Amino acid sequence: MLFRSKQEHLDLIHLEVSSLGFPKDENPTTDEIYKRIQEFGLELCPAEIGLSLRLQNSTSDSIYIGMKQITDRGGHPSVFFLYRDDGVFWLHGPWATPDHEWHDSSEFVFRLSKFSKRS
């Protein structure tokens, strides 16, 4: 398991895919979304954010963690997905292949870039 040696404050932003400027009838891929967020000065979150948000129970009803994909036991690239079911938060790992297409209503959390913050 990976543990960070020191705590770090991360500024996060929740965004729907529709707010990233893709054409209305287009379902952008994972790679296209990740490229676009860089253009907006955003970064992928460390995977631990999914666990942290799950433990805090402080997210919307469903949100994907914009993170570098991790490989599940079947060899499929996945990201964390938090959702609420009957008032209980769950952490899931759905597939997120580079060419997976996302609906415009899908909500992600990303990290504000350390370099885009103003002092």
PDB file of N, CA and C in Angstrom:
ATOM      1  N   MET A   1       0.835  -1.179   0.000  1.00  0.00           N
ATOM      2  CA  MET A   1       0.000   0.000   0.000  1.00  0.00           C
ATOM      3  C   MET A   1       0.881   1.244   0.000  1.00  0.00           C
ATOM      4  N   LEU A   2       0.367   2.274  -0.574  1.00  0.00           N
ATOM      5  CA  LEU A   2       1.096   3.534  -0.665  1.00  0.00           C
ATOM      6  C   LEU A   2       0.568   4.496   0.385  1.00  0.00           C
ATOM      7  N   PHE A   3       1.447   5.012   1.200  1.00  0.00           N
ATOM      8  CA  PHE A   3       1.080   6.026   2.179  1.00  0.00           C
ATOM      9  C   PHE A   3       2.009   7.217   2.007  1.00  0.00           C
ATOM     10  N   ARG A   4       1.452   8.390   2.060  1.00  0.00           N
ATOM     11  CA  ARG A   4       2.281   9.590   1.985  1.00  0.00           C
ATOM     12  C   ARG A   4       2.855   9.861   3.364  1.00  0.00           C
ATOM     13  N   SER A   5       4.110  10.295   3.387  1.00  0.00           N
ATOM     14  CA  SER A   5       4.777  10.499   4.660  1.00  0.00           C
ATOM     15  C   SER A   5       4.313  11.756   5.382  1.00  0.00           C
ATOM     16  N   LYS A   6       3.738  12.709   4.661  1.00  0.00           N
ATOM     17  CA  LYS A   6       3.232  13.905   5.321  1.00  0.00           C
ATOM     18  C   LYS A   6       1.878  14.266   4.736  1.00  0.00           C
ATOM     19  N   GLN A   7       1.069  14.896   5.553  1.00  0.00           N
ATOM     20  CA  GLN A   7      -0.236  15.327   5.066  1.00  0.00           C
ATOM     21  C   GLN A   7      -0.060  16.528   4.167  1.00  0.00           C
ATOM     22  N   GLU A   8      -0.906  16.591   3.157  1.00  0.00           N
ATOM     23  CA  GLU A   8      -0.819  17.663   2.187  1.00  0.00           C
ATOM     24  C   GLU A   8      -2.238  18.182   1.940  1.00  0.00           C
ATOM     25  N   HIS A   9      -2.399  19.492   1.953  1.00  0.00           N
ATOM     26  CA  HIS A   9      -3.698  20.091   1.647  1.00  0.00           C
ATOM     27  C   HIS A   9      -3.845  20.192   0.139  1.00  0.00           C
ATOM     28  N   LEU A  10      -4.945  19.673  -0.383  1.00  0.00           N
ATOM     29  CA  LEU A  10      -5.206  19.733  -1.818  1.00  0.00           C
ATOM     30  C   LEU A  10      -6.478  20.524  -2.060  1.00  0.00           C
ATOM     31  N   ASP A  11      -6.424  21.441  -3.005  1.00  0.00           N
ATOM     32  CA  ASP A  11      -7.612  22.179  -3.421  1.00  0.00           C
ATOM     33  C   ASP A  11      -8.253  21.418  -4.562  1.00  0.00           C
ATOM     34  N   LEU A  12      -9.519  21.048  -4.375  1.00  0.00           N
ATOM     35  CA  LEU A  12     -10.230  20.233  -5.351  1.00  0.00           C
ATOM     36  C   LEU A  12     -11.360  21.022  -5.987  1.00  0.00           C
ATOM     37  N   ILE A  13     -11.730  20.605  -7.191  1.00  0.00           N
ATOM     38  CA  ILE A  13     -12.844  21.219  -7.885  1.00  0.00           C
ATOM     39  C   ILE A  13     -13.700  20.103  -8.482  1.00  0.00           C
ATOM     40  N   HIS A  14     -15.014  20.242  -8.323  1.00  0.00           N
ATOM     41  CA  HIS A  14     -15.966  19.291  -8.898  1.00  0.00           C
ATOM     42  C   HIS A  14     -16.490  19.893 -10.198  1.00  0.00           C
ATOM     43  N   LEU A  15     -16.441  19.116 -11.280  1.00  0.00           N
ATOM     44  CA  LEU A  15     -16.895  19.598 -12.573  1.00  0.00           C
ATOM     45  C   LEU A  15     -17.694  18.524 -13.303  1.00  0.00           C
ATOM     46  N   GLU A  16     -18.745  18.951 -13.974  1.00  0.00           N
ATOM     47  CA  GLU A  16     -19.426  18.050 -14.899  1.00  0.00           C
ATOM     48  C   GLU A  16     -18.676  18.089 -16.219  1.00  0.00           C
ATOM     49  N   VAL A  17     -18.703  16.992 -16.941  1.00  0.00           N
ATOM     50  CA  VAL A  17     -18.046  16.937 -18.249  1.00  0.00           C
ATOM     51  C   VAL A  17     -18.573  18.048 -19.146  1.00  0.00           C
ATOM     52  N   SER A  18     -19.858  18.372 -19.036  1.00  0.00           N
ATOM     53  CA  SER A  18     -20.457  19.420 -19.876  1.00  0.00           C
ATOM     54  C   SER A  18     -19.800  20.781 -19.677  1.00  0.00           C
ATOM     55  N   SER A  19     -19.166  21.016 -18.539  1.00  0.00           N
ATOM     56  CA  SER A  19     -18.547  22.317 -18.270  1.00  0.00           C
ATOM     57  C   SER A  19     -17.134  22.430 -18.847  1.00  0.00           C
ATOM     58  N   LEU A  20     -16.671  21.374 -19.517  1.00  0.00           N
ATOM     59  CA  LEU A  20     -15.315  21.383 -20.055  1.00  0.00           C
ATOM     60  C   LEU A  20     -15.250  21.856 -21.505  1.00  0.00           C
ATOM     61  N   GLY A  21     -16.391  22.269 -22.066  1.00  0.00           N
ATOM     62  CA  GLY A  21     -16.397  22.887 -23.381  1.00  0.00           C
ATOM     63  C   GLY A  21     -16.436  21.949 -24.572  1.00  0.00           C
ATOM     64  N   PHE A  22     -16.816  20.709 -24.372  1.00  0.00           N
ATOM     65  CA  PHE A  22     -16.951  19.794 -25.500  1.00  0.00           C
ATOM     66  C   PHE A  22     -18.281  20.063 -26.209  1.00  0.00           C
ATOM     67  N   PRO A  23     -18.360  19.766 -27.515  1.00  0.00           N
ATOM     68  CA  PRO A  23     -19.637  19.936 -28.219  1.00  0.00           C
ATOM     69  C   PRO A  23     -20.756  19.149 -27.524  1.00  0.00           C
ATOM     70  N   LYS A  24     -21.957  19.701 -27.549  1.00  0.00           N
ATOM     71  CA  LYS A  24     -23.075  19.162 -26.780  1.00  0.00           C
ATOM     72  C   LYS A  24     -23.360  17.686 -27.039  1.00  0.00           C
ATOM     73  N   ASP A  25     -23.310  17.249 -28.282  1.00  0.00           N
ATOM     74  CA  ASP A  25     -23.656  15.862 -28.594  1.00  0.00           C
ATOM     75  C   ASP A  25     -22.458  14.921 -28.588  1.00  0.00           C
ATOM     76  N   GLU A  26     -21.320  15.409 -28.136  1.00  0.00           N
ATOM     77  CA  GLU A  26     -20.106  14.593 -28.116  1.00  0.00           C
ATOM     78  C   GLU A  26     -19.902  14.005 -26.723  1.00  0.00           C
ATOM     79  N   ASN A  27     -19.552  12.739 -26.678  1.00  0.00           N
ATOM     80  CA  ASN A  27     -19.196  12.093 -25.416  1.00  0.00           C
ATOM     81  C   ASN A  27     -17.682  11.922 -25.410  1.00  0.00           C
ATOM     82  N   PRO A  28     -16.959  12.835 -24.764  1.00  0.00           N
ATOM     83  CA  PRO A  28     -15.496  12.781 -24.811  1.00  0.00           C
ATOM     84  C   PRO A  28     -14.939  11.546 -24.104  1.00  0.00           C
ATOM     85  N   THR A  29     -13.766  11.139 -24.556  1.00  0.00           N
ATOM     86  CA  THR A  29     -13.102   9.981 -23.957  1.00  0.00           C
ATOM     87  C   THR A  29     -12.344  10.408 -22.695  1.00  0.00           C
ATOM     88  N   THR A  30     -11.905   9.415 -21.956  1.00  0.00           N
ATOM     89  CA  THR A  30     -11.093   9.685 -20.761  1.00  0.00           C
ATOM     90  C   THR A  30      -9.872  10.515 -21.135  1.00  0.00           C
ATOM     91  N   ASP A  31      -9.168  10.111 -22.191  1.00  0.00           N
ATOM     92  CA  ASP A  31      -7.970  10.849 -22.605  1.00  0.00           C
ATOM     93  C   ASP A  31      -8.292  12.284 -23.001  1.00  0.00           C
ATOM     94  N   GLU A  32      -9.410  12.503 -23.708  1.00  0.00           N
ATOM     95  CA  GLU A  32      -9.793  13.852 -24.107  1.00  0.00           C
ATOM     96  C   GLU A  32     -10.113  14.722 -22.892  1.00  0.00           C
ATOM     97  N   ILE A  33     -10.793  14.159 -21.920  1.00  0.00           N
ATOM     98  CA  ILE A  33     -11.112  14.901 -20.691  1.00  0.00           C
ATOM     99  C   ILE A  33      -9.832  15.258 -19.950  1.00  0.00           C
ATOM    100  N   TYR A  34      -8.931  14.304 -19.816  1.00  0.00           N
ATOM    101  CA  TYR A  34      -7.699  14.546 -19.085  1.00  0.00           C
ATOM    102  C   TYR A  34      -6.825  15.586 -19.786  1.00  0.00           C
ATOM    103  N   LYS A  35      -6.840  15.598 -21.103  1.00  0.00           N
ATOM    104  CA  LYS A  35      -6.096  16.615 -21.839  1.00  0.00           C
ATOM    105  C   LYS A  35      -6.725  17.996 -21.624  1.00  0.00           C
ATOM    106  N   ARG A  36      -8.048  18.057 -21.650  1.00  0.00           N
ATOM    107  CA  ARG A  36      -8.758  19.336 -21.498  1.00  0.00           C
ATOM    108  C   ARG A  36      -8.524  19.940 -20.117  1.00  0.00           C
ATOM    109  N   ILE A  37      -8.526  19.132 -19.084  1.00  0.00           N
ATOM    110  CA  ILE A  37      -8.349  19.707 -17.739  1.00  0.00           C
ATOM    111  C   ILE A  37      -6.969  20.340 -17.594  1.00  0.00           C
ATOM    112  N   GLN A  38      -5.983  19.791 -18.281  1.00  0.00           N
ATOM    113  CA  GLN A  38      -4.645  20.395 -18.251  1.00  0.00           C
ATOM    114  C   GLN A  38      -4.674  21.775 -18.888  1.00  0.00           C
ATOM    115  N   GLU A  39      -5.472  21.928 -19.948  1.00  0.00           N
ATOM    116  CA  GLU A  39      -5.601  23.232 -20.602  1.00  0.00           C
ATOM    117  C   GLU A  39      -6.229  24.260 -19.664  1.00  0.00           C
ATOM    118  N   PHE A  40      -7.042  23.795 -18.724  1.00  0.00           N
ATOM    119  CA  PHE A  40      -7.684  24.667 -17.744  1.00  0.00           C
ATOM    120  C   PHE A  40      -6.839  24.845 -16.482  1.00  0.00           C
ATOM    121  N   GLY A  41      -5.630  24.291 -16.484  1.00  0.00           N
ATOM    122  CA  GLY A  41      -4.755  24.435 -15.329  1.00  0.00           C
ATOM    123  C   GLY A  41      -5.103  23.518 -14.177  1.00  0.00           C
ATOM    124  N   LEU A  42      -5.760  22.407 -14.480  1.00  0.00           N
ATOM    125  CA  LEU A  42      -6.127  21.432 -13.455  1.00  0.00           C
ATOM    126  C   LEU A  42      -5.215  20.218 -13.570  1.00  0.00           C
ATOM    127  N   GLU A  43      -5.193  19.427 -12.511  1.00  0.00           N
ATOM    128  CA  GLU A  43      -4.366  18.223 -12.484  1.00  0.00           C
ATOM    129  C   GLU A  43      -5.208  17.034 -12.050  1.00  0.00           C
ATOM    130  N   LEU A  44      -4.682  15.853 -12.309  1.00  0.00           N
ATOM    131  CA  LEU A  44      -5.312  14.644 -11.802  1.00  0.00           C
ATOM    132  C   LEU A  44      -5.081  14.570 -10.295  1.00  0.00           C
ATOM    133  N   CYS A  45      -6.004  13.962  -9.618  1.00  0.00           N
ATOM    134  CA  CYS A  45      -5.893  13.781  -8.167  1.00  0.00           C
ATOM    135  C   CYS A  45      -5.058  12.546  -7.865  1.00  0.00           C
ATOM    136  N   PRO A  46      -4.398  12.546  -6.720  1.00  0.00           N
ATOM    137  CA  PRO A  46      -3.809  11.287  -6.264  1.00  0.00           C
ATOM    138  C   PRO A  46      -4.958  10.316  -5.952  1.00  0.00           C
ATOM    139  N   ALA A  47      -4.732   9.042  -6.140  1.00  0.00           N
ATOM    140  CA  ALA A  47      -5.782   8.040  -5.919  1.00  0.00           C
ATOM    141  C   ALA A  47      -6.353   8.108  -4.500  1.00  0.00           C
ATOM    142  N   GLU A  48      -5.539   8.498  -3.535  1.00  0.00           N
ATOM    143  CA  GLU A  48      -5.991   8.542  -2.140  1.00  0.00           C
ATOM    144  C   GLU A  48      -7.176   9.475  -1.920  1.00  0.00           C
ATOM    145  N   ILE A  49      -7.385  10.415  -2.840  1.00  0.00           N
ATOM    146  CA  ILE A  49      -8.506  11.341  -2.700  1.00  0.00           C
ATOM    147  C   ILE A  49      -9.824  10.578  -2.662  1.00  0.00           C
ATOM    148  N   GLY A  50      -9.930   9.524  -3.468  1.00  0.00           N
ATOM    149  CA  GLY A  50     -11.147   8.716  -3.449  1.00  0.00           C
ATOM    150  C   GLY A  50     -11.423   8.139  -2.077  1.00  0.00           C
ATOM    151  N   LEU A  51     -10.399   7.620  -1.451  1.00  0.00           N
ATOM    152  CA  LEU A  51     -10.550   7.049  -0.114  1.00  0.00           C
ATOM    153  C   LEU A  51     -10.873   8.126   0.919  1.00  0.00           C
ATOM    154  N   SER A  52     -10.178   9.253   0.808  1.00  0.00           N
ATOM    155  CA  SER A  52     -10.394  10.344   1.751  1.00  0.00           C
ATOM    156  C   SER A  52     -11.823  10.883   1.661  1.00  0.00           C
ATOM    157  N   LEU A  53     -12.305  11.122   0.440  1.00  0.00           N
ATOM    158  CA  LEU A  53     -13.678  11.623   0.284  1.00  0.00           C
ATOM    159  C   LEU A  53     -14.698  10.594   0.770  1.00  0.00           C
ATOM    160  N   ARG A  54     -14.420   9.328   0.548  1.00  0.00           N
ATOM    161  CA  ARG A  54     -15.328   8.282   1.026  1.00  0.00           C
ATOM    162  C   ARG A  54     -15.406   8.297   2.551  1.00  0.00           C
ATOM    163  N   LEU A  55     -14.271   8.428   3.206  1.00  0.00           N
ATOM    164  CA  LEU A  55     -14.259   8.434   4.668  1.00  0.00           C
ATOM    165  C   LEU A  55     -14.924   9.679   5.239  1.00  0.00           C
ATOM    166  N   GLN A  56     -14.842  10.799   4.511  1.00  0.00           N
ATOM    167  CA  GLN A  56     -15.458  12.039   4.962  1.00  0.00           C
ATOM    168  C   GLN A  56     -16.959  12.065   4.694  1.00  0.00           C
ATOM    169  N   ASN A  57     -17.425  11.188   3.802  1.00  0.00           N
ATOM    170  CA  ASN A  57     -18.840  11.207   3.396  1.00  0.00           C
ATOM    171  C   ASN A  57     -19.254  12.610   2.977  1.00  0.00           C
ATOM    172  N   SER A  58     -18.356  13.302   2.265  1.00  0.00           N
ATOM    173  CA  SER A  58     -18.622  14.708   1.974  1.00  0.00           C
ATOM    174  C   SER A  58     -18.615  14.997   0.480  1.00  0.00           C
ATOM    175  N   THR A  59     -19.334  14.225  -0.261  1.00  0.00           N
ATOM    176  CA  THR A  59     -19.376  14.460  -1.694  1.00  0.00           C
ATOM    177  C   THR A  59     -20.818  14.403  -2.177  1.00  0.00           C
ATOM    178  N   SER A  60     -21.000  14.737  -3.438  1.00  0.00           N
ATOM    179  CA  SER A  60     -22.341  14.675  -4.013  1.00  0.00           C
ATOM    180  C   SER A  60     -22.784  13.215  -4.092  1.00  0.00           C
ATOM    181  N   ASP A  61     -23.942  12.981  -4.672  1.00  0.00           N
ATOM    182  CA  ASP A  61     -24.465  11.624  -4.738  1.00  0.00           C
ATOM    183  C   ASP A  61     -23.601  10.675  -5.548  1.00  0.00           C
ATOM    184  N   SER A  62     -22.920  11.175  -6.568  1.00  0.00           N
ATOM    185  CA  SER A  62     -22.026  10.319  -7.353  1.00  0.00           C
ATOM    186  C   SER A  62     -20.967  11.173  -8.039  1.00  0.00           C
ATOM    187  N   ILE A  63     -19.724  10.722  -7.935  1.00  0.00           N
ATOM    188  CA  ILE A  63     -18.622  11.477  -8.527  1.00  0.00           C
ATOM    189  C   ILE A  63     -17.454  10.541  -8.839  1.00  0.00           C
ATOM    190  N   TYR A  64     -16.853  10.776  -9.994  1.00  0.00           N
ATOM    191  CA  TYR A  64     -15.656  10.044 -10.390  1.00  0.00           C
ATOM    192  C   TYR A  64     -14.439  10.824  -9.926  1.00  0.00           C
ATOM    193  N   ILE A  65     -13.388  10.108  -9.557  1.00  0.00           N
ATOM    194  CA  ILE A  65     -12.135  10.753  -9.183  1.00  0.00           C
ATOM    195  C   ILE A  65     -11.280  10.854 -10.440  1.00  0.00           C
ATOM    196  N   GLY A  66     -10.965  12.082 -10.846  1.00  0.00           N
ATOM    197  CA  GLY A  66     -10.074  12.292 -11.981  1.00  0.00           C
ATOM    198  C   GLY A  66      -8.673  11.949 -11.541  1.00  0.00           C
ATOM    199  N   MET A  67      -8.230  10.758 -11.884  1.00  0.00           N
ATOM    200  CA  MET A  67      -6.954  10.229 -11.397  1.00  0.00           C
ATOM    201  C   MET A  67      -6.309   9.381 -12.480  1.00  0.00           C
ATOM    202  N   LYS A  68      -5.027   9.132 -12.338  1.00  0.00           N
ATOM    203  CA  LYS A  68      -4.366   8.196 -13.231  1.00  0.00           C
ATOM    204  C   LYS A  68      -5.023   6.835 -13.003  1.00  0.00           C
ATOM    205  N   GLN A  69      -5.395   6.186 -14.103  1.00  0.00           N
ATOM    206  CA  GLN A  69      -6.078   4.918 -13.963  1.00  0.00           C
ATOM    207  C   GLN A  69      -5.191   3.890 -13.255  1.00  0.00           C
ATOM    208  N   ILE A  70      -5.845   3.057 -12.459  1.00  0.00           N
ATOM    209  CA  ILE A  70      -5.169   1.928 -11.833  1.00  0.00           C
ATOM    210  C   ILE A  70      -5.750   0.661 -12.459  1.00  0.00           C
ATOM    211  N   THR A  71      -4.967  -0.379 -12.496  1.00  0.00           N
ATOM    212  CA  THR A  71      -5.400  -1.607 -13.129  1.00  0.00           C
ATOM    213  C   THR A  71      -6.114  -2.482 -12.112  1.00  0.00           C
ATOM    214  N   ASP A  72      -7.331  -2.926 -12.468  1.00  0.00           N
ATOM    215  CA  ASP A  72      -8.055  -3.814 -11.572  1.00  0.00           C
ATOM    216  C   ASP A  72      -7.532  -5.244 -11.729  1.00  0.00           C
ATOM    217  N   ARG A  73      -8.068  -6.156 -10.957  1.00  0.00           N
ATOM    218  CA  ARG A  73      -7.540  -7.521 -10.973  1.00  0.00           C
ATOM    219  C   ARG A  73      -7.734  -8.224 -12.314  1.00  0.00           C
ATOM    220  N   GLY A  74      -8.620  -7.703 -13.156  1.00  0.00           N
ATOM    221  CA  GLY A  74      -8.810  -8.259 -14.487  1.00  0.00           C
ATOM    222  C   GLY A  74      -7.930  -7.602 -15.538  1.00  0.00           C
ATOM    223  N   GLY A  75      -7.104  -6.643 -15.124  1.00  0.00           N
ATOM    224  CA  GLY A  75      -6.210  -5.960 -16.051  1.00  0.00           C
ATOM    225  C   GLY A  75      -6.825  -4.751 -16.727  1.00  0.00           C
ATOM    226  N   HIS A  76      -7.999  -4.299 -16.265  1.00  0.00           N
ATOM    227  CA  HIS A  76      -8.693  -3.172 -16.880  1.00  0.00           C
ATOM    228  C   HIS A  76      -8.349  -1.869 -16.158  1.00  0.00           C
ATOM    229  N   PRO A  77      -8.054  -0.789 -16.902  1.00  0.00           N
ATOM    230  CA  PRO A  77      -7.792   0.500 -16.264  1.00  0.00           C
ATOM    231  C   PRO A  77      -9.078   1.052 -15.646  1.00  0.00           C
ATOM    232  N   SER A  78      -8.970   1.494 -14.412  1.00  0.00           N
ATOM    233  CA  SER A  78     -10.139   1.955 -13.661  1.00  0.00           C
ATOM    234  C   SER A  78      -9.811   3.215 -12.883  1.00  0.00           C
ATOM    235  N   VAL A  79     -10.859   3.929 -12.494  1.00  0.00           N
ATOM    236  CA  VAL A  79     -10.746   5.066 -11.577  1.00  0.00           C
ATOM    237  C   VAL A  79     -11.712   4.817 -10.427  1.00  0.00           C
ATOM    238  N   PHE A  80     -11.568   5.582  -9.364  1.00  0.00           N
ATOM    239  CA  PHE A  80     -12.510   5.454  -8.261  1.00  0.00           C
ATOM    240  C   PHE A  80     -13.797   6.220  -8.572  1.00  0.00           C
ATOM    241  N   PHE A  81     -14.885   5.676  -8.085  1.00  0.00           N
ATOM    242  CA  PHE A  81     -16.209   6.272  -8.241  1.00  0.00           C
ATOM    243  C   PHE A  81     -16.887   6.206  -6.889  1.00  0.00           C
ATOM    244  N   LEU A  82     -17.299   7.367  -6.384  1.00  0.00           N
ATOM    245  CA  LEU A  82     -18.019   7.439  -5.114  1.00  0.00           C
ATOM    246  C   LEU A  82     -19.495   7.635  -5.411  1.00  0.00           C
ATOM    247  N   TYR A  83     -20.327   6.907  -4.709  1.00  0.00           N
ATOM    248  CA  TYR A  83     -21.766   7.105  -4.872  1.00  0.00           C
ATOM    249  C   TYR A  83     -22.481   6.799  -3.571  1.00  0.00           C
ATOM    250  N   ARG A  84     -23.667   7.351  -3.476  1.00  0.00           N
ATOM    251  CA  ARG A  84     -24.484   7.174  -2.283  1.00  0.00           C
ATOM    252  C   ARG A  84     -25.677   6.292  -2.648  1.00  0.00           C
ATOM    253  N   ASP A  85     -25.931   5.291  -1.817  1.00  0.00           N
ATOM    254  CA  ASP A  85     -27.066   4.395  -2.009  1.00  0.00           C
ATOM    255  C   ASP A  85     -27.751   4.214  -0.666  1.00  0.00           C
ATOM    256  N   ASP A  86     -28.998   4.644  -0.588  1.00  0.00           N
ATOM    257  CA  ASP A  86     -29.757   4.594   0.666  1.00  0.00           C
ATOM    258  C   ASP A  86     -29.008   5.262   1.818  1.00  0.00           C
ATOM    259  N   GLY A  87     -28.367   6.393   1.530  1.00  0.00           N
ATOM    260  CA  GLY A  87     -27.690   7.162   2.563  1.00  0.00           C
ATOM    261  C   GLY A  87     -26.302   6.665   2.920  1.00  0.00           C
ATOM    262  N   VAL A  88     -25.841   5.601   2.290  1.00  0.00           N
ATOM    263  CA  VAL A  88     -24.521   5.041   2.579  1.00  0.00           C
ATOM    264  C   VAL A  88     -23.603   5.326   1.394  1.00  0.00           C
ATOM    265  N   PHE A  89     -22.382   5.804   1.676  1.00  0.00           N
ATOM    266  CA  PHE A  89     -21.408   6.063   0.626  1.00  0.00           C
ATOM    267  C   PHE A  89     -20.643   4.789   0.287  1.00  0.00           C
ATOM    268  N   TRP A  90     -20.431   4.599  -0.994  1.00  0.00           N
ATOM    269  CA  TRP A  90     -19.707   3.441  -1.496  1.00  0.00           C
ATOM    270  C   TRP A  90     -18.555   3.908  -2.386  1.00  0.00           C
ATOM    271  N   LEU A  91     -17.493   3.130  -2.413  1.00  0.00           N
ATOM    272  CA  LEU A  91     -16.347   3.394  -3.276  1.00  0.00           C
ATOM    273  C   LEU A  91     -16.252   2.233  -4.250  1.00  0.00           C
ATOM    274  N   HIS A  92     -16.272   2.551  -5.523  1.00  0.00           N
ATOM    275  CA  HIS A  92     -16.287   1.541  -6.582  1.00  0.00           C
ATOM    276  C   HIS A  92     -15.150   1.856  -7.546  1.00  0.00           C
ATOM    277  N   GLY A  93     -14.765   0.903  -8.368  1.00  0.00           N
ATOM    278  CA  GLY A  93     -13.687   1.115  -9.331  1.00  0.00           C
ATOM    279  C   GLY A  93     -14.105   0.737 -10.737  1.00  0.00           C
ATOM    280  N   PRO A  94     -14.947   1.566 -11.402  1.00  0.00           N
ATOM    281  CA  PRO A  94     -15.380   1.215 -12.758  1.00  0.00           C
ATOM    282  C   PRO A  94     -14.272   1.411 -13.792  1.00  0.00           C
ATOM    283  N   TRP A  95     -14.423   0.726 -14.890  1.00  0.00           N
ATOM    284  CA  TRP A  95     -13.458   0.839 -15.972  1.00  0.00           C
ATOM    285  C   TRP A  95     -13.390   2.267 -16.480  1.00  0.00           C
ATOM    286  N   ALA A  96     -12.193   2.677 -16.836  1.00  0.00           N
ATOM    287  CA  ALA A  96     -11.976   4.007 -17.412  1.00  0.00           C
ATOM    288  C   ALA A  96     -10.849   3.895 -18.419  1.00  0.00           C
ATOM    289  N   THR A  97     -11.096   3.113 -19.467  1.00  0.00           N
ATOM    290  CA  THR A  97     -10.089   2.959 -20.505  1.00  0.00           C
ATOM    291  C   THR A  97      -9.829   4.314 -21.163  1.00  0.00           C
ATOM    292  N   PRO A  98      -8.678   4.482 -21.793  1.00  0.00           N
ATOM    293  CA  PRO A  98      -8.396   5.767 -22.442  1.00  0.00           C
ATOM    294  C   PRO A  98      -9.461   6.188 -23.453  1.00  0.00           C
ATOM    295  N   ASP A  99     -10.119   5.215 -24.098  1.00  0.00           N
ATOM    296  CA  ASP A  99     -11.128   5.546 -25.106  1.00  0.00           C
ATOM    297  C   ASP A  99     -12.565   5.424 -24.592  1.00  0.00           C
ATOM    298  N   HIS A 100     -12.730   5.244 -23.271  1.00  0.00           N
ATOM    299  CA  HIS A 100     -14.078   5.201 -22.688  1.00  0.00           C
ATOM    300  C   HIS A 100     -14.765   6.555 -22.881  1.00  0.00           C
ATOM    301  N   GLU A 101     -16.007   6.536 -23.343  1.00  0.00           N
ATOM    302  CA  GLU A 101     -16.747   7.778 -23.554  1.00  0.00           C
ATOM    303  C   GLU A 101     -17.608   8.091 -22.335  1.00  0.00           C
ATOM    304  N   TRP A 102     -17.604   9.369 -21.931  1.00  0.00           N
ATOM    305  CA  TRP A 102     -18.310   9.820 -20.740  1.00  0.00           C
ATOM    306  C   TRP A 102     -19.493  10.694 -21.141  1.00  0.00           C
ATOM    307  N   HIS A 103     -20.582  10.552 -20.403  1.00  0.00           N
ATOM    308  CA  HIS A 103     -21.756  11.408 -20.621  1.00  0.00           C
ATOM    309  C   HIS A 103     -21.466  12.807 -20.111  1.00  0.00           C
ATOM    310  N   ASP A 104     -22.129  13.799 -20.703  1.00  0.00           N
ATOM    311  CA  ASP A 104     -21.880  15.187 -20.301  1.00  0.00           C
ATOM    312  C   ASP A 104     -22.311  15.476 -18.874  1.00  0.00           C
ATOM    313  N   SER A 105     -23.150  14.636 -18.295  1.00  0.00           N
ATOM    314  CA  SER A 105     -23.583  14.841 -16.910  1.00  0.00           C
ATOM    315  C   SER A 105     -22.686  14.131 -15.893  1.00  0.00           C
ATOM    316  N   SER A 106     -21.699  13.364 -16.373  1.00  0.00           N
ATOM    317  CA  SER A 106     -20.773  12.708 -15.449  1.00  0.00           C
ATOM    318  C   SER A 106     -20.004  13.774 -14.683  1.00  0.00           C
ATOM    319  N   GLU A 107     -19.878  13.582 -13.379  1.00  0.00           N
ATOM    320  CA  GLU A 107     -19.193  14.562 -12.534  1.00  0.00           C
ATOM    321  C   GLU A 107     -17.860  13.993 -12.056  1.00  0.00           C
ATOM    322  N   PHE A 108     -16.829  14.817 -12.169  1.00  0.00           N
ATOM    323  CA  PHE A 108     -15.475  14.454 -11.751  1.00  0.00           C
ATOM    324  C   PHE A 108     -14.982  15.423 -10.695  1.00  0.00           C
ATOM    325  N   VAL A 109     -14.009  14.989  -9.936  1.00  0.00           N
ATOM    326  CA  VAL A 109     -13.262  15.884  -9.058  1.00  0.00           C
ATOM    327  C   VAL A 109     -11.822  15.889  -9.563  1.00  0.00           C
ATOM    328  N   PHE A 110     -11.253  17.090  -9.667  1.00  0.00           N
ATOM    329  CA  PHE A 110      -9.871  17.272 -10.093  1.00  0.00           C
ATOM    330  C   PHE A 110      -9.162  18.139  -9.072  1.00  0.00           C
ATOM    331  N   ARG A 111      -7.878  18.204  -9.206  1.00  0.00           N
ATOM    332  CA  ARG A 111      -7.038  19.005  -8.308  1.00  0.00           C
ATOM    333  C   ARG A 111      -6.677  20.307  -9.004  1.00  0.00           C
ATOM    334  N   LEU A 112      -6.775  21.412  -8.261  1.00  0.00           N
ATOM    335  CA  LEU A 112      -6.275  22.679  -8.786  1.00  0.00           C
ATOM    336  C   LEU A 112      -4.754  22.596  -8.816  1.00  0.00           C
ATOM    337  N   SER A 113      -4.179  23.040  -9.888  1.00  0.00           N
ATOM    338  CA  SER A 113      -2.733  22.980 -10.048  1.00  0.00           C
ATOM    339  C   SER A 113      -2.036  23.817  -8.986  1.00  0.00           C
ATOM    340  N   LYS A 114      -0.940  23.290  -8.477  1.00  0.00           N
ATOM    341  CA  LYS A 114      -0.125  24.046  -7.525  1.00  0.00           C
ATOM    342  C   LYS A 114       0.383  25.326  -8.168  1.00  0.00           C
ATOM    343  N   PHE A 115       0.579  25.304  -9.479  1.00  0.00           N
ATOM    344  CA  PHE A 115       1.143  26.448 -10.180  1.00  0.00           C
ATOM    345  C   PHE A 115       0.100  27.461 -10.585  1.00  0.00           C
ATOM    346  N   SER A 116      -1.177  27.068 -10.588  1.00  0.00           N
ATOM    347  CA  SER A 116      -2.213  28.015 -10.995  1.00  0.00           C
ATOM    348  C   SER A 116      -2.758  28.815  -9.809  1.00  0.00           C
ATOM    349  N   LYS A 117      -2.394  28.410  -8.598  1.00  0.00           N
ATOM    350  CA  LYS A 117      -2.857  29.135  -7.414  1.00  0.00           C
ATOM    351  C   LYS A 117      -2.084  30.436  -7.257  1.00  0.00           C
ATOM    352  N   ARG A 118      -2.779  31.426  -6.816  1.00  0.00           N
ATOM    353  CA  ARG A 118      -2.132  32.722  -6.589  1.00  0.00           C
ATOM    354  C   ARG A 118      -1.739  32.842  -5.121  1.00  0.00           C
ATOM    355  N   SER A 119      -0.606  33.388  -4.876  1.00  0.00           N
ATOM    356  CA  SER A 119      -0.116  33.549  -3.501  1.00  0.00           C
ATOM    357  C   SER A 119      -0.828  34.677  -2.805  1.00  0.00           C
TER     358      SER A 119
END
